[in-house]
Amino acid sequence: MMLARINTTARFSASRPQVVFSGEYARNSDSVDYDVSPDGEHFMTIKPGEQEWPATEITGLLTWFDELKRRVPAK
């Protein structure tokens, strides 16, 4: 994953790209699958595990925000 600082005021310029991190990450065709948080400060990607066979089940929690509010009440 690379990072380059972009300036679009007055005249476009970009810094020299820097490596943010490297390694083997899940890929979808020619690109790494990842997502960036709305504030632009964090992102998530998938790093392959050491499974001997592919996963056959995925469990998701649809009401995770309600569960979080229950476990961490507002002060």
N, C-alpha and C. Protein backbone atom coordinates (compact mmCIF):
# COMPACT_ATOMS: atom_id res chain seq x y z
N MET A 1 0.87 -1.16 0.00
CA MET A 1 0.00 0.00 0.00
C MET A 1 0.90 1.21 0.00
N MET A 2 0.63 2.13 -0.88
CA MET A 2 1.45 3.33 -1.03
C MET A 2 0.65 4.57 -0.66
N LEU A 3 1.36 5.64 -0.30
CA LEU A 3 0.76 6.91 0.08
C LEU A 3 1.47 8.02 -0.67
N ALA A 4 0.70 8.96 -1.21
CA ALA A 4 1.28 10.15 -1.82
C ALA A 4 0.42 11.35 -1.41
N ARG A 5 1.05 12.40 -0.98
CA ARG A 5 0.32 13.61 -0.59
C ARG A 5 0.01 14.41 -1.86
N ILE A 6 -1.24 14.87 -1.96
CA ILE A 6 -1.72 15.59 -3.15
C ILE A 6 -2.06 17.02 -2.77
N ASN A 7 -1.63 17.99 -3.59
CA ASN A 7 -1.99 19.39 -3.41
C ASN A 7 -2.77 19.82 -4.64
N THR A 8 -3.98 20.33 -4.45
CA THR A 8 -4.80 20.75 -5.59
C THR A 8 -5.05 22.25 -5.59
N THR A 9 -4.46 22.99 -4.64
CA THR A 9 -4.64 24.45 -4.61
C THR A 9 -3.67 25.09 -5.60
N ALA A 10 -4.15 26.05 -6.31
CA ALA A 10 -3.38 26.80 -7.31
C ALA A 10 -2.85 25.90 -8.42
N ARG A 11 -1.97 24.97 -8.08
CA ARG A 11 -1.36 24.09 -9.07
C ARG A 11 -1.27 22.68 -8.50
N PHE A 12 -1.62 21.69 -9.29
CA PHE A 12 -1.59 20.30 -8.83
C PHE A 12 -0.15 19.86 -8.62
N SER A 13 0.07 19.17 -7.50
CA SER A 13 1.37 18.53 -7.27
C SER A 13 1.15 17.31 -6.39
N ALA A 14 2.05 16.37 -6.49
CA ALA A 14 1.98 15.14 -5.69
C ALA A 14 3.38 14.82 -5.17
N SER A 15 3.41 14.36 -3.92
CA SER A 15 4.70 13.97 -3.33
C SER A 15 5.15 12.64 -3.91
N ARG A 16 6.36 12.29 -3.63
CA ARG A 16 6.88 10.99 -4.03
C ARG A 16 6.15 9.92 -3.21
N PRO A 17 5.65 8.87 -3.83
CA PRO A 17 4.93 7.82 -3.08
C PRO A 17 5.83 7.17 -2.03
N GLN A 18 5.20 6.83 -0.89
CA GLN A 18 5.90 6.15 0.20
C GLN A 18 5.16 4.86 0.52
N VAL A 19 5.88 3.84 0.91
CA VAL A 19 5.26 2.57 1.32
C VAL A 19 4.64 2.77 2.70
N VAL A 20 3.34 2.45 2.84
CA VAL A 20 2.66 2.52 4.13
C VAL A 20 2.83 1.18 4.83
N PHE A 21 2.57 0.09 4.12
CA PHE A 21 2.83 -1.26 4.61
C PHE A 21 2.90 -2.18 3.42
N SER A 22 3.49 -3.34 3.64
CA SER A 22 3.59 -4.32 2.56
C SER A 22 3.25 -5.69 3.11
N GLY A 23 2.99 -6.62 2.24
CA GLY A 23 2.65 -7.97 2.64
C GLY A 23 1.64 -8.57 1.69
N GLU A 24 1.21 -9.76 2.00
CA GLU A 24 0.21 -10.45 1.20
C GLU A 24 -1.18 -10.12 1.74
N TYR A 25 -2.02 -9.57 0.90
CA TYR A 25 -3.39 -9.22 1.28
C TYR A 25 -4.34 -9.75 0.21
N ALA A 26 -5.58 -9.99 0.62
CA ALA A 26 -6.58 -10.53 -0.31
C ALA A 26 -6.71 -9.61 -1.52
N ARG A 27 -6.84 -10.23 -2.67
CA ARG A 27 -6.94 -9.45 -3.91
C ARG A 27 -8.20 -9.83 -4.67
N ASN A 28 -8.76 -8.86 -5.35
CA ASN A 28 -9.90 -9.07 -6.23
C ASN A 28 -9.45 -8.63 -7.61
N SER A 29 -9.18 -9.54 -8.47
CA SER A 29 -8.62 -9.33 -9.81
C SER A 29 -7.28 -8.59 -9.69
N ASP A 30 -7.22 -7.35 -10.14
CA ASP A 30 -5.94 -6.63 -10.17
C ASP A 30 -5.76 -5.64 -9.02
N SER A 31 -6.68 -5.58 -8.07
CA SER A 31 -6.56 -4.60 -7.00
C SER A 31 -6.74 -5.24 -5.63
N VAL A 32 -6.19 -4.60 -4.61
CA VAL A 32 -6.37 -5.06 -3.23
C VAL A 32 -7.72 -4.55 -2.75
N ASP A 33 -8.51 -5.43 -2.14
CA ASP A 33 -9.79 -5.01 -1.58
C ASP A 33 -9.56 -4.32 -0.25
N TYR A 34 -10.04 -3.11 -0.12
CA TYR A 34 -9.93 -2.37 1.13
C TYR A 34 -11.03 -1.33 1.19
N ASP A 35 -11.21 -0.74 2.37
CA ASP A 35 -12.18 0.34 2.53
C ASP A 35 -11.58 1.38 3.47
N VAL A 36 -11.97 2.63 3.27
CA VAL A 36 -11.46 3.74 4.06
C VAL A 36 -12.59 4.29 4.92
N SER A 37 -12.25 4.64 6.18
CA SER A 37 -13.27 5.20 7.09
C SER A 37 -13.71 6.57 6.58
N PRO A 38 -14.92 7.01 6.96
CA PRO A 38 -15.42 8.31 6.50
C PRO A 38 -14.49 9.48 6.82
N ASP A 39 -13.77 9.42 7.95
CA ASP A 39 -12.86 10.52 8.30
C ASP A 39 -11.52 10.44 7.57
N GLY A 40 -11.31 9.36 6.82
CA GLY A 40 -10.07 9.21 6.06
C GLY A 40 -8.86 8.85 6.90
N GLU A 41 -9.05 8.56 8.16
CA GLU A 41 -7.94 8.28 9.06
C GLU A 41 -7.61 6.79 9.20
N HIS A 42 -8.53 5.91 8.82
CA HIS A 42 -8.32 4.48 8.98
C HIS A 42 -8.79 3.73 7.74
N PHE A 43 -8.24 2.56 7.55
CA PHE A 43 -8.73 1.70 6.49
C PHE A 43 -8.58 0.25 6.92
N MET A 44 -9.29 -0.62 6.21
CA MET A 44 -9.29 -2.03 6.55
C MET A 44 -9.07 -2.83 5.28
N THR A 45 -8.30 -3.91 5.41
CA THR A 45 -8.11 -4.83 4.32
C THR A 45 -8.04 -6.24 4.91
N ILE A 46 -8.06 -7.23 4.08
CA ILE A 46 -8.07 -8.61 4.54
C ILE A 46 -6.72 -9.25 4.28
N LYS A 47 -6.17 -9.83 5.34
CA LYS A 47 -4.91 -10.56 5.21
C LYS A 47 -5.24 -12.04 5.27
N PRO A 48 -4.81 -12.83 4.28
CA PRO A 48 -5.16 -14.24 4.28
C PRO A 48 -4.65 -14.95 5.53
N GLY A 49 -5.44 -15.88 6.04
CA GLY A 49 -5.04 -16.67 7.20
C GLY A 49 -4.28 -17.91 6.79
N GLU A 50 -4.04 -18.76 7.74
CA GLU A 50 -3.29 -19.99 7.47
C GLU A 50 -4.23 -21.20 7.48
N GLN A 51 -5.44 -21.03 6.95
CA GLN A 51 -6.40 -22.13 6.91
C GLN A 51 -5.95 -23.18 5.92
N GLU A 52 -6.24 -24.42 6.26
CA GLU A 52 -5.93 -25.51 5.34
C GLU A 52 -7.06 -25.73 4.34
N TRP A 53 -8.26 -25.24 4.65
CA TRP A 53 -9.39 -25.39 3.74
C TRP A 53 -10.18 -24.09 3.76
N PRO A 54 -10.94 -23.80 2.72
CA PRO A 54 -11.69 -22.54 2.66
C PRO A 54 -12.83 -22.53 3.67
N ALA A 55 -13.16 -21.34 4.15
CA ALA A 55 -14.27 -21.18 5.08
C ALA A 55 -15.58 -21.57 4.38
N THR A 56 -16.46 -22.21 5.12
CA THR A 56 -17.75 -22.60 4.55
C THR A 56 -18.90 -21.83 5.19
N GLU A 57 -18.59 -20.98 6.16
CA GLU A 57 -19.63 -20.25 6.87
C GLU A 57 -19.09 -18.89 7.30
N ILE A 58 -19.93 -17.88 7.19
CA ILE A 58 -19.60 -16.54 7.66
C ILE A 58 -20.73 -16.10 8.59
N THR A 59 -20.36 -15.60 9.77
CA THR A 59 -21.35 -15.12 10.72
C THR A 59 -21.23 -13.61 10.82
N GLY A 60 -22.35 -12.92 10.68
CA GLY A 60 -22.37 -11.46 10.79
C GLY A 60 -23.39 -11.02 11.82
N LEU A 61 -23.12 -9.89 12.44
CA LEU A 61 -24.04 -9.34 13.42
C LEU A 61 -24.64 -8.07 12.84
N LEU A 62 -25.92 -8.10 12.53
CA LEU A 62 -26.58 -6.96 11.89
C LEU A 62 -26.88 -5.84 12.88
N THR A 63 -27.04 -6.18 14.14
CA THR A 63 -27.40 -5.17 15.14
C THR A 63 -26.22 -4.84 16.04
N TRP A 64 -25.02 -4.79 15.48
CA TRP A 64 -23.83 -4.59 16.29
C TRP A 64 -23.84 -3.24 16.99
N PHE A 65 -24.41 -2.20 16.35
CA PHE A 65 -24.42 -0.88 16.98
C PHE A 65 -25.32 -0.88 18.20
N ASP A 66 -26.48 -1.55 18.13
CA ASP A 66 -27.36 -1.67 19.30
C ASP A 66 -26.66 -2.43 20.42
N GLU A 67 -25.92 -3.48 20.06
CA GLU A 67 -25.18 -4.26 21.06
C GLU A 67 -24.09 -3.40 21.70
N LEU A 68 -23.41 -2.59 20.91
CA LEU A 68 -22.38 -1.70 21.44
C LEU A 68 -22.98 -0.70 22.41
N LYS A 69 -24.12 -0.10 22.05
CA LYS A 69 -24.77 0.86 22.95
C LYS A 69 -25.20 0.19 24.25
N ARG A 70 -25.62 -1.06 24.16
CA ARG A 70 -26.05 -1.79 25.36
C ARG A 70 -24.86 -2.04 26.28
N ARG A 71 -23.73 -2.40 25.70
CA ARG A 71 -22.56 -2.75 26.50
C ARG A 71 -21.78 -1.52 26.98
N VAL A 72 -21.85 -0.42 26.24
CA VAL A 72 -21.13 0.80 26.61
C VAL A 72 -22.13 1.95 26.64
N PRO A 73 -22.87 2.09 27.74
CA PRO A 73 -23.88 3.14 27.81
C PRO A 73 -23.26 4.53 27.76
N ALA A 74 -24.01 5.47 27.21
CA ALA A 74 -23.54 6.86 27.12
C ALA A 74 -23.39 7.44 28.52
N LYS A 75 -22.37 8.28 28.69
CA LYS A 75 -22.10 8.89 30.01
C LYS A 75 -22.89 10.15 30.20
